């Protein structure tokens, strides 16, 4: 007759479990808690750590934000935070894509120095600028950095024609790295416009520039759609 196989490891587990169950049944509630904590606290701590890590991973997967579109306010700290909060939905952004406006950035180094230099320049070098509101000094500073694109190269035909017809494009002579000088529409005058009012800018912040440093063409297109609707009163 074939000898019956016995799983000694499983048998040991069963006996241990039965023994623990019997031992616990003879204890008071307080004794049970003390016993469990004394002999299983390492297991409990490990289980708790696993649950915390798992919970964090789930929370992160549900709530993380990757910023894809950036605005700036240069030489001012005034803008509408309410509009900023709504821009994600206005631009029809994906769930985990983010939008931010950074203000309180200045062209004056003495007012804007961080640990690694001028904070405004650092944001630009990091590619965190797709559009910016600024005064004339801010426009000139951004042009000198080479961060600004010609409005004619980015604006859709409808809003570009509107700005051209109203004479609102801000033109500058710019010399490139090869020493070639050209005339470029580096900004648009938004003073006394619905755009200025909508974004809650102060009276010195008169210009809008476009840089498109993040390369989020889809969101830039939707941003222009918003601007056009504001301009025509929709």
Foldseek 3Di string as FASTA:
>chain_A
DDDDDDDVVVVVVVVVVVVVVVVLVPDDPVVNVVVCCVPCVVVVVVVVVVVVVVVVVVVCVQAAADEQAEEEEEPDQWWDVVVLVCLCVLLVHDPRYHYDYYYPFYPDQVSAQDPVGGPVVVCLVVLRHFKYFYAPVVLVSCVVVVQFDFCVVQADPPVVVVQVVVVFFDWDWHQDPVRDTDIGRFWGFCQPFLVCVNTGHDNRRGIMTGRCSSVPSSSSRSVNVVVVCRRVVD
